[in-house]
Protein backbone atom coordinates (compact mmCIF):
# COMPACT_ATOMS: atom_id res chain seq x y z
CA UNK A 1 0.00 -0.14 0.07
CA UNK A 2 1.24 3.38 -0.83
CA UNK A 3 2.20 5.59 2.88
CA UNK A 4 0.79 8.48 4.19
CA UNK A 5 3.52 11.54 4.02
CA UNK A 6 6.62 13.20 5.21
CA UNK A 7 9.10 15.34 6.53
CA UNK A 8 11.27 16.48 8.68
CA UNK A 9 14.48 18.69 9.19
CA UNK A 10 17.09 17.28 7.81
CA UNK A 11 18.96 15.30 9.21
CA UNK A 12 17.28 14.37 12.72
CA UNK A 13 19.21 10.97 14.09
CA UNK A 14 17.86 8.18 17.20
CA UNK A 15 20.33 5.80 18.02
CA UNK A 16 19.84 1.81 19.68
CA UNK A 17 22.26 -0.91 20.35
CA UNK A 18 21.05 -4.73 19.85
CA UNK A 19 23.21 -7.51 20.42
CA UNK A 20 23.11 -11.55 19.71
CA UNK A 21 25.77 -14.26 17.67
CA UNK A 22 25.52 -17.63 16.18
CA UNK A 23 27.44 -19.24 13.87
CA UNK A 24 26.71 -21.00 10.59
CA UNK A 25 27.08 -23.28 7.79
CA UNK A 26 30.22 -22.80 5.48
CA UNK A 27 30.59 -22.00 1.67
CA UNK A 28 29.82 -24.45 -0.21
CA UNK A 29 33.28 -24.27 -2.14
CA UNK A 30 35.11 -24.24 1.04
CA UNK A 31 37.15 -27.26 3.13
CA UNK A 32 36.58 -25.99 6.93
CA UNK A 33 38.81 -27.70 9.68
CA UNK A 34 37.99 -26.63 13.17
CA UNK A 35 41.44 -27.54 15.37
CA UNK A 36 42.55 -27.70 18.77
CA UNK A 37 44.23 -24.30 20.06
CA UNK A 38 46.96 -24.36 22.30
CA UNK A 39 47.86 -20.93 22.55
CA UNK A 40 46.31 -17.17 21.63
CA UNK A 41 47.78 -13.87 22.78
CA UNK A 42 47.16 -10.34 21.76
CA UNK A 43 48.87 -7.38 23.75
CA UNK A 44 48.35 -3.45 22.56
CA UNK A 45 49.61 -1.92 25.47
CA UNK A 46 48.71 1.91 24.69
CA UNK A 47 52.18 3.12 26.30
CA UNK A 48 53.95 1.22 23.55
CA UNK A 49 52.18 0.27 20.26
CA UNK A 50 55.67 -0.79 18.11
CA UNK A 51 55.47 -3.98 20.89
CA UNK A 52 51.60 -5.28 19.94
CA UNK A 53 51.47 -8.11 19.40
CA UNK A 54 50.05 -11.50 18.02
CA UNK A 55 51.07 -14.86 18.43
CA UNK A 56 49.26 -17.76 17.50
CA UNK A 57 49.79 -21.74 17.84
CA UNK A 58 47.27 -24.84 17.29
CA UNK A 59 48.38 -28.41 17.50
CA UNK A 60 46.20 -31.21 15.86
CA UNK A 61 46.53 -33.50 14.03
CA UNK A 62 43.52 -32.48 12.02
CA UNK A 63 45.91 -29.99 10.22
CA UNK A 64 48.17 -32.64 8.06
CA UNK A 65 49.08 -32.46 3.64
CA UNK A 66 48.15 -32.82 1.12
CA UNK A 67 48.15 -28.61 1.99
CA UNK A 68 46.99 -25.99 -0.42
CA UNK A 69 48.97 -23.41 -1.98
CA UNK A 70 49.09 -20.36 -0.83
CA UNK A 71 49.71 -18.41 -4.13
CA UNK A 72 45.50 -19.56 -4.72
CA UNK A 73 45.13 -17.02 -1.54
CA UNK A 74 46.26 -16.74 1.78
CA UNK A 75 44.60 -15.14 4.62
CA UNK A 76 44.76 -14.65 8.44
CA UNK A 77 41.61 -13.55 10.58
CA UNK A 78 41.42 -13.25 14.29
CA UNK A 79 38.08 -12.08 15.36
CA UNK A 80 36.09 -10.96 18.10
CA UNK A 81 33.53 -8.81 17.35
CA UNK A 82 33.81 -5.74 15.22
CA UNK A 83 32.40 -3.32 18.07
CA UNK A 84 34.25 -0.26 18.88
CA UNK A 85 37.14 -1.77 21.25
CA UNK A 86 37.03 -5.24 19.90
CA UNK A 87 39.11 -7.05 17.67
CA UNK A 88 38.77 -7.86 14.56
CA UNK A 89 41.80 -8.11 12.23
CA UNK A 90 41.42 -9.28 8.36
CA UNK A 91 44.61 -9.46 7.11
CA UNK A 92 45.51 -10.82 3.01
CA UNK A 93 48.74 -12.76 2.68
CA UNK A 94 50.69 -11.91 -0.08
CA UNK A 95 51.78 -15.03 -1.99
CA UNK A 96 55.02 -13.77 -2.80
CA UNK A 97 56.23 -14.37 0.87
CA UNK A 98 55.48 -17.84 0.97
CA UNK A 99 57.09 -20.57 0.40
CA UNK A 100 56.89 -24.38 0.39
CA UNK A 101 59.07 -26.06 3.70
CA UNK A 102 61.89 -27.94 2.05
CA UNK A 103 60.73 -27.57 -1.37
CA UNK A 104 57.53 -29.46 -0.78
CA UNK A 105 54.82 -27.50 0.16
CA UNK A 106 51.79 -29.89 -0.24
CA UNK A 107 53.19 -32.66 1.62
CA UNK A 108 55.52 -30.77 4.19
CA UNK A 109 54.10 -27.68 4.63
CA UNK A 110 54.65 -23.97 3.88
CA UNK A 111 56.23 -21.33 5.88
CA UNK A 112 55.57 -17.13 4.93
CA UNK A 113 57.86 -14.94 6.28
CA UNK A 114 58.03 -10.87 6.22
CA UNK A 115 60.02 -8.98 8.15
CA UNK A 116 59.26 -5.89 7.69
CA UNK A 117 55.46 -6.99 8.64
CA UNK A 118 53.57 -5.57 6.26
CA UNK A 119 50.32 -7.34 5.73
CA UNK A 120 48.68 -5.60 9.03
CA UNK A 121 52.07 -6.56 11.36
CA UNK A 122 52.17 -10.21 10.30
CA UNK A 123 56.00 -11.48 10.15
CA UNK A 124 55.91 -15.27 9.87
CA UNK A 125 53.62 -17.88 9.47
CA UNK A 126 53.93 -21.88 9.91
CA UNK A 127 51.88 -24.66 8.71
CA UNK A 128 53.03 -28.32 8.49
CA UNK A 129 51.74 -31.60 9.71
CA UNK A 130 49.83 -31.76 13.48
CA UNK A 131 50.87 -27.99 13.95
CA UNK A 132 50.00 -23.89 12.17
CA UNK A 133 52.10 -20.87 14.23
CA UNK A 134 51.64 -17.10 14.31
CA UNK A 135 53.40 -14.58 14.87
CA UNK A 136 52.81 -10.19 14.62
CA UNK A 137 53.87 -7.41 16.16
CA UNK A 138 54.18 -3.99 15.52
CA UNK A 139 51.81 -1.06 15.70
CA UNK A 140 50.17 -2.39 12.06
CA UNK A 141 47.88 -4.93 14.08
CA UNK A 142 44.83 -3.45 14.10
CA UNK A 143 43.78 -4.27 17.61
CA UNK A 144 44.00 -2.00 20.05
CA UNK A 145 42.09 -3.93 22.74
CA UNK A 146 40.34 -0.79 24.13
CA UNK A 147 36.94 -2.71 25.61
CA UNK A 148 37.28 -3.99 28.88
CA UNK A 149 37.04 -7.21 27.87
CA UNK A 150 36.99 -8.58 24.47
CA UNK A 151 33.32 -10.62 23.60
CA UNK A 152 34.60 -14.84 23.88
CA UNK A 153 35.09 -16.59 21.89
CA UNK A 154 38.02 -15.01 19.61
CA UNK A 155 38.06 -16.78 16.54
CA UNK A 156 41.21 -17.06 15.14
CA UNK A 157 41.13 -18.52 10.87
CA UNK A 158 44.10 -19.19 8.64
CA UNK A 159 43.03 -19.24 4.95
CA UNK A 160 45.13 -21.34 2.31
CA UNK A 161 43.36 -21.58 -1.09
CA UNK A 162 40.04 -23.00 -0.17
CA UNK A 163 40.74 -24.71 2.69
CA UNK A 164 40.33 -22.78 6.40
CA UNK A 165 42.04 -24.25 9.35
CA UNK A 166 39.99 -22.37 12.30
CA UNK A 167 40.38 -22.42 15.89
CA UNK A 168 38.11 -20.06 18.64
CA UNK A 169 39.64 -19.09 22.75
CA UNK A 170 36.62 -19.31 24.97
CA UNK A 171 38.21 -20.10 29.15
CA UNK A 172 40.99 -18.04 28.93
CA UNK A 173 42.98 -16.79 31.10
CA UNK A 174 43.62 -12.96 30.59
CA UNK A 175 40.71 -10.59 29.27
CA UNK A 176 41.11 -7.22 30.23
CA UNK A 177 42.06 -3.79 28.22
CA UNK A 178 44.83 -3.94 26.42
CA UNK A 179 45.70 -7.68 27.22
CA UNK A 180 43.74 -10.83 26.03
CA UNK A 181 45.75 -14.28 26.70
CA UNK A 182 44.01 -17.50 26.54
CA UNK A 183 45.27 -21.63 25.88
CA UNK A 184 44.30 -25.42 25.32
CA UNK A 185 41.01 -24.62 23.27
CA UNK A 186 39.32 -27.72 22.23
CA UNK A 187 38.43 -27.69 18.40
CA UNK A 188 34.82 -25.55 17.95
CA UNK A 189 32.12 -27.47 16.38
CA UNK A 190 32.43 -24.99 12.58
CA UNK A 191 34.56 -22.62 11.55
CA UNK A 192 32.55 -18.75 11.52
CA UNK A 193 30.37 -18.61 8.73
CA UNK A 194 32.24 -16.15 6.32
CA UNK A 195 30.92 -17.05 2.28
CA UNK A 196 28.12 -15.72 2.31
CA UNK A 197 26.29 -12.53 3.28
CA UNK A 198 22.39 -13.80 2.71
CA UNK A 199 19.47 -10.68 3.13
CA UNK A 200 15.83 -10.84 2.44
CA UNK A 201 13.92 -6.98 2.28
CA UNK A 202 9.93 -6.81 2.39
CA UNK A 203 7.64 -4.07 2.55
CA UNK A 204 5.43 -6.09 4.82
CA UNK A 205 2.02 -3.85 4.44
CA UNK A 206 1.04 -2.51 7.32
CA UNK A 207 -2.93 -2.85 6.43
CA UNK A 208 -4.68 0.32 7.19
CA UNK A 209 -6.60 0.19 4.31
CA UNK A 210 -8.32 -3.11 5.12
CA UNK A 211 -10.81 -1.83 8.43
CA UNK A 212 -10.07 -3.99 11.35
CA UNK A 213 -8.36 -6.83 9.96
CA UNK A 214 -5.53 -4.75 8.99
CA UNK A 215 -5.15 -7.62 5.49
CA UNK A 216 -5.32 -9.76 8.28
CA UNK A 217 -1.95 -9.28 9.38
CA UNK A 218 -0.59 -11.65 11.72
CA UNK A 219 -1.41 -13.73 9.27
CA UNK A 220 0.59 -12.11 6.43
CA UNK A 221 3.87 -12.13 9.40
CA UNK A 222 3.61 -15.76 9.30
CA UNK A 223 3.43 -16.55 6.27
CA UNK A 224 6.02 -13.71 5.28
CA UNK A 225 8.28 -16.64 7.86
CA UNK A 226 6.85 -19.07 5.99
CA UNK A 227 9.28 -18.05 3.20
CA UNK A 228 12.06 -17.18 5.16
CA UNK A 229 12.25 -20.24 6.61
CA UNK A 230 11.66 -21.36 2.98
CA UNK A 231 14.06 -18.52 1.56
CA UNK A 232 17.62 -20.57 3.73
CA UNK A 233 16.73 -18.54 6.90
CA UNK A 234 18.77 -14.74 5.50
CA UNK A 235 21.62 -14.19 7.60
CA UNK A 236 19.30 -10.55 7.40
CA UNK A 237 15.28 -10.22 6.62
CA UNK A 238 14.73 -6.39 6.37
CA UNK A 239 11.00 -5.06 6.74
CA UNK A 240 9.34 -2.02 5.32
CA UNK A 241 5.92 -0.05 6.37
CA UNK A 242 6.11 -1.45 9.82
CA UNK A 243 3.61 -0.26 11.95
CA UNK A 244 3.58 -0.36 15.78
CA UNK A 245 0.30 2.15 17.13
CA UNK A 246 0.18 -0.19 20.13
CA UNK A 247 -2.47 -0.15 21.45
CA UNK A 248 -4.85 1.44 18.61
CA UNK A 249 -3.34 -0.30 15.89
CA UNK A 250 -2.41 -4.55 15.95
CA UNK A 251 1.19 -4.37 15.71
CA UNK A 252 3.45 -6.28 12.64
CA UNK A 253 6.70 -5.22 15.89
CA UNK A 254 4.14 -7.28 18.23
CA UNK A 255 3.82 -10.44 15.84
CA UNK A 256 7.42 -10.14 14.31
CA UNK A 257 8.37 -10.53 18.44
CA UNK A 258 5.85 -13.16 18.93
CA UNK A 259 6.35 -16.24 15.21
CA UNK A 260 9.09 -14.97 13.90
CA UNK A 261 12.25 -15.16 16.24
CA UNK A 262 12.84 -18.14 16.58
CA UNK A 263 11.57 -20.04 13.27
CA UNK A 264 15.22 -20.97 12.01
CA UNK A 265 18.53 -22.76 13.22
CA UNK A 266 19.63 -19.82 14.95
CA UNK A 267 18.04 -16.85 17.19
CA UNK A 268 17.03 -14.08 15.13
CA UNK A 269 17.18 -10.47 16.77
CA UNK A 270 15.20 -7.42 15.90
CA UNK A 271 16.59 -4.24 14.93
CA UNK A 272 14.00 -1.32 15.20
CA UNK A 273 13.97 2.17 16.26
CA UNK A 274 9.71 4.14 17.20
CA UNK A 275 9.93 6.54 13.49
CA UNK A 276 5.88 8.01 12.39
CA UNK A 277 4.94 4.31 13.80
CA UNK A 278 2.88 4.01 11.23
CA UNK A 279 5.71 2.88 8.19
CA UNK A 280 8.82 2.38 10.03
CA UNK A 281 11.87 0.05 8.75
CA UNK A 282 12.42 -3.22 11.49
CA UNK A 283 15.62 -5.75 10.91
CA UNK A 284 16.03 -9.44 11.49
CA UNK A 285 19.57 -9.98 12.07
CA UNK A 286 21.18 -13.20 13.41
CA UNK A 287 24.34 -11.95 14.26
CA UNK A 288 24.94 -8.63 16.44
CA UNK A 289 24.16 -4.97 15.84
CA UNK A 290 26.84 -2.79 16.63
CA UNK A 291 25.80 0.75 15.99
CA UNK A 292 22.54 1.68 14.89
CA UNK A 293 20.67 4.60 13.22
CA UNK A 294 17.19 6.32 12.74
CA UNK A 295 17.62 9.00 10.43
CA UNK A 296 14.45 11.42 8.90
CA UNK A 297 14.40 12.44 5.38
CA UNK A 298 12.73 15.50 3.54
CA UNK A 299 9.01 15.54 3.93
CA UNK A 300 6.35 18.19 5.59
CA UNK A 301 5.32 15.51 8.19
CA UNK A 302 9.16 14.54 9.30
CA UNK A 303 7.59 11.01 8.01
CA UNK A 304 10.05 9.08 5.46
CA UNK A 305 12.54 7.67 7.40
CA UNK A 306 16.11 5.23 6.60
CA UNK A 307 16.83 2.61 9.28
CA UNK A 308 20.66 1.83 9.78
CA UNK A 309 22.32 -1.31 10.99
CA UNK A 310 26.56 -2.10 11.39
CA UNK A 311 26.12 -5.77 11.65
CA UNK A 312 28.53 -7.68 13.00
CA UNK A 313 28.59 -11.30 9.92
CA UNK A 314 31.63 -13.10 10.05
CA UNK A 315 32.67 -11.66 6.55
CA UNK A 316 33.04 -8.63 7.84
CA UNK A 317 31.22 -5.50 9.35
CA UNK A 318 28.08 -5.51 7.52
CA UNK A 319 25.90 -2.19 6.80
CA UNK A 320 22.92 -2.29 6.10
CA UNK A 321 20.58 0.79 5.26
CA UNK A 322 16.95 0.53 4.99
CA UNK A 323 13.78 2.56 3.65
CA UNK A 324 10.33 3.49 2.48
CA UNK A 325 10.28 6.21 -0.14
CA UNK A 326 7.47 9.05 -0.49
CA UNK A 327 4.97 7.65 -2.08
CA UNK A 328 1.76 9.99 -4.16
CA UNK A 329 0.08 10.23 -0.64
CA UNK A 330 2.57 11.97 0.63
CA UNK A 331 3.79 14.03 -2.44
CA UNK A 332 6.79 12.36 -3.64
CA UNK A 333 6.22 13.08 -6.95
CA UNK A 334 5.59 16.80 -5.77
CA UNK A 335 7.80 19.59 -6.94
CA UNK A 336 11.16 19.51 -4.05
CA UNK A 337 9.78 23.68 -3.97
CA UNK A 338 11.08 26.17 -1.89
CA UNK A 339 12.97 25.64 1.16
CA UNK A 340 14.14 22.18 -1.09
CA UNK A 341 17.79 20.82 1.00
CA UNK A 342 20.97 22.38 -0.44
CA UNK A 343 22.25 18.94 -0.51
CA UNK A 344 18.72 17.94 -3.08
CA UNK A 345 19.30 20.99 -5.49
CA UNK A 346 23.32 20.55 -5.92
CA UNK A 347 22.19 16.64 -7.11
CA UNK A 348 19.22 18.33 -9.75
CA UNK A 349 16.66 16.67 -7.64
CA UNK A 350 13.19 17.76 -9.21
CA UNK A 351 10.53 16.40 -6.62
CA UNK A 352 10.32 15.62 -3.31
CA UNK A 353 10.97 11.40 -3.40
CA UNK A 354 14.47 12.49 -5.51
CA UNK A 355 15.32 14.37 -2.78
CA UNK A 356 15.12 11.68 -0.33
CA UNK A 357 16.82 8.99 -2.72
CA UNK A 358 19.92 12.05 -2.55
CA UNK A 359 19.79 12.29 1.29
CA UNK A 360 19.77 8.72 1.44
CA UNK A 361 22.84 8.02 -0.84
CA UNK A 362 24.58 10.79 1.03
CA UNK A 363 23.93 8.83 4.20
CA UNK A 364 25.46 5.46 2.92
CA UNK A 365 28.29 7.65 1.75
CA UNK A 366 28.52 8.89 5.32
CA UNK A 367 28.61 6.32 7.54
CA UNK A 368 29.78 3.52 5.37
CA UNK A 369 33.47 3.43 6.45
CA UNK A 370 34.65 0.24 5.80
CA UNK A 371 35.91 -2.64 3.73
CA UNK A 372 33.53 -4.69 3.92
CA UNK A 373 30.02 -5.12 1.22
CA UNK A 374 27.00 -3.02 2.44
CA UNK A 375 23.81 -2.80 1.15
CA UNK A 376 20.76 -0.29 0.91
CA UNK A 377 17.38 -2.03 0.78
CA UNK A 378 13.59 -0.55 0.45
CA UNK A 379 10.51 0.22 -1.64
CA UNK A 380 11.63 2.96 -3.27
CA UNK A 381 8.84 3.81 -5.15
CA UNK A 382 10.74 4.44 -8.70
CA UNK A 383 11.40 1.75 -11.05
CA UNK A 384 14.72 1.40 -13.24
CA UNK A 385 16.24 4.39 -15.13
CA UNK A 386 14.77 7.01 -13.09
CA UNK A 387 16.37 9.41 -11.52
CA UNK A 388 16.17 8.21 -7.93
CA UNK A 389 17.44 4.57 -8.59
CA UNK A 390 20.64 6.66 -10.82
CA UNK A 391 21.31 7.98 -7.66
CA UNK A 392 22.12 4.66 -6.19
CA UNK A 393 23.40 2.78 -9.65
CA UNK A 394 25.26 6.05 -10.64
CA UNK A 395 27.40 5.55 -7.68
CA UNK A 396 28.54 2.29 -9.00
CA UNK A 397 25.93 0.46 -6.41
CA UNK A 398 24.21 -2.86 -7.82
CA UNK A 399 20.98 -3.57 -9.16
CA UNK A 400 21.49 -7.24 -7.51
CA UNK A 401 18.29 -9.11 -9.11
CA UNK A 402 18.92 -7.86 -12.42
CA UNK A 403 23.24 -8.23 -12.14
CA UNK A 404 22.21 -11.99 -11.23
CA UNK A 405 20.31 -12.48 -14.01
CA UNK A 406 15.74 -11.75 -12.89
CA UNK A 407 14.39 -10.45 -16.06
CA UNK A 408 12.59 -6.71 -15.62
CA UNK A 409 9.74 -6.99 -14.83
CA UNK A 410 6.62 -7.32 -17.57
CA UNK A 411 4.03 -5.01 -16.54
CA UNK A 412 1.90 -7.22 -18.86
CA UNK A 413 2.37 -10.91 -17.02
CA UNK A 414 3.49 -9.87 -13.19
CA UNK A 415 6.91 -11.68 -13.85
CA UNK A 416 9.23 -9.74 -12.33
CA UNK A 417 7.52 -6.87 -10.59
CA UNK A 418 7.40 -6.48 -7.16
CA UNK A 419 4.27 -4.36 -7.00
CA UNK A 420 0.77 -2.92 -8.33
CA UNK A 421 -1.50 -5.67 -5.82
CA UNK A 422 -4.42 -3.38 -3.89
CA UNK A 423 -4.50 -4.31 -0.20
CA UNK A 424 -7.64 -6.36 -0.78
CA UNK A 425 -5.38 -8.76 -2.86
CA UNK A 426 -3.45 -10.62 -0.83
CA UNK A 427 -6.60 -12.61 -0.85
CA UNK A 428 -6.46 -13.25 -4.26
CA UNK A 429 -4.34 -16.15 -6.03
CA UNK A 430 -3.30 -13.50 -9.13
CA UNK A 431 -0.46 -11.88 -9.27
CA UNK A 432 -1.70 -7.96 -9.64
CA UNK A 433 2.01 -6.49 -9.87
CA UNK A 434 3.23 -4.42 -12.85
CA UNK A 435 6.31 -2.11 -11.72
CA UNK A 436 9.26 -3.06 -9.84
CA UNK A 437 10.01 -0.66 -7.23
CA UNK A 438 11.65 -2.98 -4.58
CA UNK A 439 15.48 -3.18 -4.44
CA UNK A 440 18.39 -4.38 -3.21
CA UNK A 441 21.33 -2.27 -3.89
CA UNK A 442 25.00 -3.61 -3.06
CA UNK A 443 27.55 -1.26 -2.05
CA UNK A 444 30.67 -3.58 -3.81
CA UNK A 445 33.55 -4.66 -0.86
CA UNK A 446 36.65 -2.25 -1.03
CA UNK A 447 40.11 -3.14 -1.62
CA UNK A 448 41.04 -3.67 2.02
CA UNK A 449 38.23 -6.10 2.44
CA UNK A 450 37.93 -10.01 2.24
CA UNK A 451 35.08 -10.53 0.91
CA UNK A 452 34.83 -10.85 -2.99
CA UNK A 453 31.44 -9.40 -3.22
CA UNK A 454 30.08 -11.54 -6.11
CA UNK A 455 26.32 -12.55 -6.57
CA UNK A 456 24.91 -16.28 -6.04
CA UNK A 457 22.72 -16.26 -9.37
CA UNK A 458 18.44 -16.50 -9.67
CA UNK A 459 19.30 -21.07 -9.31
CA UNK A 460 21.41 -20.48 -6.84
CA UNK A 461 24.70 -21.60 -8.26
CA UNK A 462 26.66 -22.45 -5.33
CA UNK A 463 23.50 -24.66 -4.08
CA UNK A 464 23.41 -23.23 -0.72
CA UNK A 465 19.68 -22.99 -0.87
CA UNK A 466 19.42 -19.50 -1.01
CA UNK A 467 19.98 -16.98 -4.15
CA UNK A 468 19.52 -13.65 -5.56
CA UNK A 469 15.96 -13.67 -6.39
CA UNK A 470 12.48 -12.35 -5.85
CA UNK A 471 11.09 -12.96 -2.66
CA UNK A 472 7.35 -14.38 -1.38
CA UNK A 473 6.65 -13.99 -5.41
CA UNK A 474 4.38 -16.98 -5.39
CA UNK A 475 1.01 -17.22 -3.84
CA UNK A 476 1.11 -19.01 -0.59
CA UNK A 477 2.64 -22.67 -1.41
CA UNK A 478 2.52 -23.46 2.23
CA UNK A 479 -1.27 -24.21 1.77
CA UNK A 480 -2.70 -26.52 -0.65
CA UNK A 481 -5.38 -23.50 -1.28
CA UNK A 482 -5.71 -20.03 -0.16
CA UNK A 483 -8.16 -17.06 -0.54
CA UNK A 484 -10.47 -14.97 1.70
CA UNK A 485 -10.92 -16.01 5.25
CA UNK A 486 -11.41 -19.36 5.74
CA UNK A 487 -8.73 -20.06 3.59
CA UNK A 488 -5.18 -19.34 4.41
CA UNK A 489 -4.33 -15.75 2.80
CA UNK A 490 -2.35 -15.98 -0.59
CA UNK A 491 0.57 -13.13 0.06
CA UNK A 492 2.52 -11.79 3.17
CA UNK A 493 2.36 -8.51 1.50
CA UNK A 494 0.58 -6.24 -1.59
CA UNK A 495 4.23 -6.17 -2.53
CA UNK A 496 6.79 -8.77 -3.19
CA UNK A 497 10.20 -8.42 -2.11
CA UNK A 498 13.99 -9.67 -3.09
CA UNK A 499 16.42 -11.36 -1.66
CA UNK A 500 20.26 -11.53 -2.17
CA UNK A 501 22.99 -14.19 -1.57
CA UNK A 502 26.15 -12.53 -1.73
CA UNK A 503 29.56 -14.59 -1.70
CA UNK A 504 32.71 -13.52 -0.57
CA UNK A 505 35.49 -16.17 -1.25
């Protein structure tokens, strides 16, 4: 449904923080070998930065030949959290610094040596049958250890080619500002997930146009949850048009909390910051949100907003921005007019929606200050080729669905479309959509990211059960029939959503 109107002064900011940590399954293309960790020491005393150091040892018979060739890619990850003061070191280990032990790397192992520590302080890495050792020192090592304690377990992952050796240190001897030390850690059950970042977005429909039933709101939320499970339990799910005016109206926030947090093998946490309460964004995330912000967009009633969260994903600190730009109901196509914000005038914005698109893009550029990829998702109320759309693809950001091979919307058949369904048509199995206005835009990773940022195909080429595709785009497939009460509802929303699977390895 088209939302109701909006506008604020730019920018207005609200903040909140949510926490949770879970590990998951590796990418299908990677061989993971969990190993017992003999010891891990991290030292970052502020008084002596040049003496900052890292030392890691693992002794385990699982470390065995044949060993992958590090010239095919090698890296070291030390990870407690991406939060401020914690430790996340993603360190590519250049092929030129590796040599085969006794001239036979596949059988005897490999040795990395760099006396300068140019790769973020790492000077030596040795892997041979039964043993791994890592040593680094100097102020190039990125972990300052400013937090009172590091989150545990602290993971160490050494990757050679398509093989990852991983240890996780839980019980510790020392864990304080500037110093972490742990010994004798058993092999973890699994390596931390880093191969994929998966995300889905759906304008969930507040239901204000359907009378007291709110278009069967709670049932639609449950149906959305069935799609979440069926589509591989994405790491992050973004909802727009989230209504939370309690007790006057049924709350989508409450319905999500009641029905969606425990539907997957891991628990979801909710990231939600109240804005206009009628048409907000909400995120479900399996990993902690280490920073969040709500920023209000231009408009007379301060109605439209962008929800931001930095997700502490094993693939890196992943920034997610969710928004719903102005519709015709709140003046989206109207001229930006007198008092149009200077950043919008400078960008050539003509309409209010154009201006909101500019502000959203500038917000992404301002807050996304890491090399890991980012996602801008939501209902943009404009199609491909428009000023709004070009604010994002014109910056080199990727329209995930189109880039993965999705067919552009055919307004005649509804194939490839995401919007156009009337609210009451959630009870009809017909597609009733004729435009594509819901998008996932991917901000590509920077040079320092270990995530390559390759989109999986519509057909799920990597076979992990998650693909880049439309989401909740078919009438209720979990029931033999759907329609008006008492039959199950046909659609989660008047929109179809979008899903993306970004491979990092």
